[in-house]
């Protein structure tokens, strides 16, 4: 489902990263949240691809899904 998101205990302490690189998903999502464009992120991280950024956002959205439980 998220083939570009990897988890490795030897890389960034096992945090969700992009394709095994030391680029955490949280950094990419945080930059988008603060107004960075895909192009700006790609300039700052030349090893990334547009699809990496898109999948980071999709992964974050998937994590943020809420379940509402009535009490």
Foldseek 3Di string as FASTA:
>chain_A
DLVQWFFDCVAPNRATAGNPDNHHLVVLVVCVVVPDDLVNVCVVPVVDDSVSSVSSVVVVVVVPDDDDDDD
